[in-house]
Amino acid sequence: MPTFSKFINGQRRSQKMVDSDRFIYSRKKPRDTPLYSAWRCRKNNPPTKCPCHAYLTLPDNSLTLGSKPHNHPADNAAPLKREVLSTLKRKAAELCVDTTA
């Protein structure tokens, strides 16, 4: 059973969640409550269209998977790629701000 691992930044300042099995999830905003947040597998677009959902209980960060499993293997390098890209973009934006001041 996977557990919550960490949050990473996605494109356009979106927040992604990574579980201990290295699957990445995007937030399903309309279903959030103060007690839990709903997430779906980031490979939710054709041709993969992964049906997996996860629910993160907020007080203790416990992760519960939905009834449907992933239909693809985890991309072990994807979370690291996202973090590196996010860091590079943030540093580039800081440099642009510093040079215009």
C-alpha atoms as a PDB file:
ATOM      1  CA  MET A   1       0.000   0.000   0.000  1.00  0.00           C
ATOM      2  CA  PRO A   2       1.611   3.285  -1.052  1.00  0.00           C
ATOM      3  CA  THR A   3       1.934   6.159   1.364  1.00  0.00           C
ATOM      4  CA  PHE A   4       2.128   9.927   0.898  1.00  0.00           C
ATOM      5  CA  SER A   5       5.635  10.994  -0.083  1.00  0.00           C
ATOM      6  CA  LYS A   6       5.739  14.714  -0.968  1.00  0.00           C
ATOM      7  CA  PHE A   7       4.325  17.607  -2.950  1.00  0.00           C
ATOM      8  CA  ILE A   8       6.083  19.001  -6.020  1.00  0.00           C
ATOM      9  CA  ASN A   9       5.349  21.987  -8.232  1.00  0.00           C
ATOM     10  CA  GLY A  10       3.887  21.385 -11.663  1.00  0.00           C
ATOM     11  CA  GLN A  11       3.405  23.689 -14.603  1.00  0.00           C
ATOM     12  CA  ARG A  12       1.543  26.962 -14.092  1.00  0.00           C
ATOM     13  CA  ARG A  13       2.090  26.794 -10.317  1.00  0.00           C
ATOM     14  CA  SER A  14      -0.060  23.708  -9.937  1.00  0.00           C
ATOM     15  CA  GLN A  15       0.638  21.354  -7.077  1.00  0.00           C
ATOM     16  CA  LYS A  16       1.346  17.669  -7.676  1.00  0.00           C
ATOM     17  CA  MET A  17       1.512  14.861  -5.142  1.00  0.00           C
ATOM     18  CA  VAL A  18       3.975  11.962  -5.277  1.00  0.00           C
ATOM     19  CA  ASP A  19       3.312   8.696  -3.479  1.00  0.00           C
ATOM     20  CA  SER A  20       5.886   6.214  -2.191  1.00  0.00           C
ATOM     21  CA  ASP A  21       5.538   4.123  -5.385  1.00  0.00           C
ATOM     22  CA  ARG A  22       6.582   7.210  -7.439  1.00  0.00           C
ATOM     23  CA  PHE A  23       3.198   7.808  -9.089  1.00  0.00           C
ATOM     24  CA  ILE A  24       2.284  11.476  -9.577  1.00  0.00           C
ATOM     25  CA  TYR A  25      -1.203  12.842  -8.941  1.00  0.00           C
ATOM     26  CA  SER A  26      -2.959  16.117  -9.823  1.00  0.00           C
ATOM     27  CA  ARG A  27      -5.462  17.719  -7.470  1.00  0.00           C
ATOM     28  CA  LYS A  28      -9.196  17.407  -8.168  1.00  0.00           C
ATOM     29  CA  LYS A  29     -10.185  20.786  -6.719  1.00  0.00           C
ATOM     30  CA  PRO A  30     -14.004  20.558  -6.627  1.00  0.00           C
ATOM     31  CA  ARG A  31     -13.908  17.614  -4.232  1.00  0.00           C
ATOM     32  CA  ASP A  32     -11.620  19.078  -1.578  1.00  0.00           C
ATOM     33  CA  THR A  33     -12.893  19.471   1.977  1.00  0.00           C
ATOM     34  CA  PRO A  34     -11.129  20.632   5.159  1.00  0.00           C
ATOM     35  CA  LEU A  35     -10.580  16.959   6.067  1.00  0.00           C
ATOM     36  CA  TYR A  36      -9.263  15.483   2.825  1.00  0.00           C
ATOM     37  CA  SER A  37      -8.207  16.334  -0.712  1.00  0.00           C
ATOM     38  CA  ALA A  38      -8.982  14.283  -3.812  1.00  0.00           C
ATOM     39  CA  TRP A  39      -6.312  13.528  -6.420  1.00  0.00           C
ATOM     40  CA  ARG A  40      -6.198  11.726  -9.772  1.00  0.00           C
ATOM     41  CA  CYS A  41      -3.323  10.096 -11.602  1.00  0.00           C
ATOM     42  CA  ARG A  42      -1.554  12.620 -13.797  1.00  0.00           C
ATOM     43  CA  LYS A  43      -1.693  10.189 -16.745  1.00  0.00           C
ATOM     44  CA  ASN A  44      -5.399  10.863 -17.063  1.00  0.00           C
ATOM     45  CA  ASN A  45      -5.295  11.817 -20.750  1.00  0.00           C
ATOM     46  CA  PRO A  46      -5.590   9.496 -23.769  1.00  0.00           C
ATOM     47  CA  PRO A  47      -4.069   7.148 -24.781  1.00  0.00           C
ATOM     48  CA  THR A  48      -3.275   5.993 -21.216  1.00  0.00           C
ATOM     49  CA  LYS A  49      -6.348   7.378 -19.409  1.00  0.00           C
ATOM     50  CA  CYS A  50      -5.399   6.000 -16.009  1.00  0.00           C
ATOM     51  CA  PRO A  51      -8.486   5.518 -13.788  1.00  0.00           C
ATOM     52  CA  CYS A  52      -6.600   5.639 -10.464  1.00  0.00           C
ATOM     53  CA  HIS A  53      -7.662   8.162  -7.816  1.00  0.00           C
ATOM     54  CA  ALA A  54      -6.243   8.862  -4.386  1.00  0.00           C
ATOM     55  CA  TYR A  55      -7.516  10.663  -1.305  1.00  0.00           C
ATOM     56  CA  LEU A  56      -5.172  12.412   1.104  1.00  0.00           C
ATOM     57  CA  THR A  57      -6.458  12.856   4.643  1.00  0.00           C
ATOM     58  CA  LEU A  58      -5.091  16.235   5.680  1.00  0.00           C
ATOM     59  CA  PRO A  59      -4.552  16.065   9.457  1.00  0.00           C
ATOM     60  CA  ASP A  60      -2.277  13.001   9.345  1.00  0.00           C
ATOM     61  CA  ASN A  61      -1.338  12.893   5.609  1.00  0.00           C
ATOM     62  CA  SER A  62      -2.608   9.329   5.187  1.00  0.00           C
ATOM     63  CA  LEU A  63      -3.148   8.227   1.593  1.00  0.00           C
ATOM     64  CA  THR A  64      -6.074   6.069   0.476  1.00  0.00           C
ATOM     65  CA  LEU A  65      -6.272   4.761  -3.071  1.00  0.00           C
ATOM     66  CA  GLY A  66      -9.533   4.474  -4.984  1.00  0.00           C
ATOM     67  CA  SER A  67     -10.957   1.161  -6.159  1.00  0.00           C
ATOM     68  CA  LYS A  68      -9.312   1.206  -9.619  1.00  0.00           C
ATOM     69  CA  PRO A  69      -5.570   0.487  -9.967  1.00  0.00           C
ATOM     70  CA  HIS A  70      -3.027   2.220 -12.214  1.00  0.00           C
ATOM     71  CA  ASN A  71      -2.921   0.861 -15.760  1.00  0.00           C
ATOM     72  CA  HIS A  72       0.707   1.879 -16.370  1.00  0.00           C
ATOM     73  CA  PRO A  73       4.060   1.519 -14.603  1.00  0.00           C
ATOM     74  CA  ALA A  74       5.420   4.307 -12.418  1.00  0.00           C
ATOM     75  CA  ASP A  75       7.905   6.673 -14.047  1.00  0.00           C
ATOM     76  CA  ASN A  76      10.658   6.695 -11.422  1.00  0.00           C
ATOM     77  CA  ALA A  77      12.459   9.670 -12.948  1.00  0.00           C
ATOM     78  CA  ALA A  78       9.375  11.890 -13.385  1.00  0.00           C
ATOM     79  CA  PRO A  79       9.277  13.410  -9.867  1.00  0.00           C
ATOM     80  CA  LEU A  80      12.967  14.325 -10.047  1.00  0.00           C
ATOM     81  CA  LYS A  81      12.534  15.802 -13.541  1.00  0.00           C
ATOM     82  CA  ARG A  82       9.629  17.932 -12.291  1.00  0.00           C
ATOM     83  CA  GLU A  83      11.611  19.192  -9.304  1.00  0.00           C
ATOM     84  CA  VAL A  84      14.675  20.087 -11.392  1.00  0.00           C
ATOM     85  CA  LEU A  85      12.573  21.861 -14.012  1.00  0.00           C
ATOM     86  CA  SER A  86      10.647  23.779 -11.359  1.00  0.00           C
ATOM     87  CA  THR A  87      13.870  24.849  -9.638  1.00  0.00           C
ATOM     88  CA  LEU A  88      15.404  26.000 -12.929  1.00  0.00           C
ATOM     89  CA  LYS A  89      12.318  28.026 -13.817  1.00  0.00           C
ATOM     90  CA  ARG A  90      12.203  29.653 -10.375  1.00  0.00           C
ATOM     91  CA  LYS A  91      15.897  30.586 -10.522  1.00  0.00           C
ATOM     92  CA  ALA A  92      15.518  31.948 -14.060  1.00  0.00           C
ATOM     93  CA  ALA A  93      12.593  34.091 -12.926  1.00  0.00           C
ATOM     94  CA  GLU A  94      14.652  35.387  -9.986  1.00  0.00           C
ATOM     95  CA  LEU A  95      17.517  36.302 -12.346  1.00  0.00           C
ATOM     96  CA  CYS A  96      15.142  38.144 -14.653  1.00  0.00           C
ATOM     97  CA  VAL A  97      13.753  40.135 -11.730  1.00  0.00           C
ATOM     98  CA  ASP A  98      17.268  40.926 -10.419  1.00  0.00           C
ATOM     99  CA  THR A  99      18.553  42.226 -13.772  1.00  0.00           C
ATOM    100  CA  THR A 100      15.564  44.537 -14.352  1.00  0.00           C
ATOM    101  CA  ALA A 101      15.779  46.179 -10.931  1.00  0.00           C
END
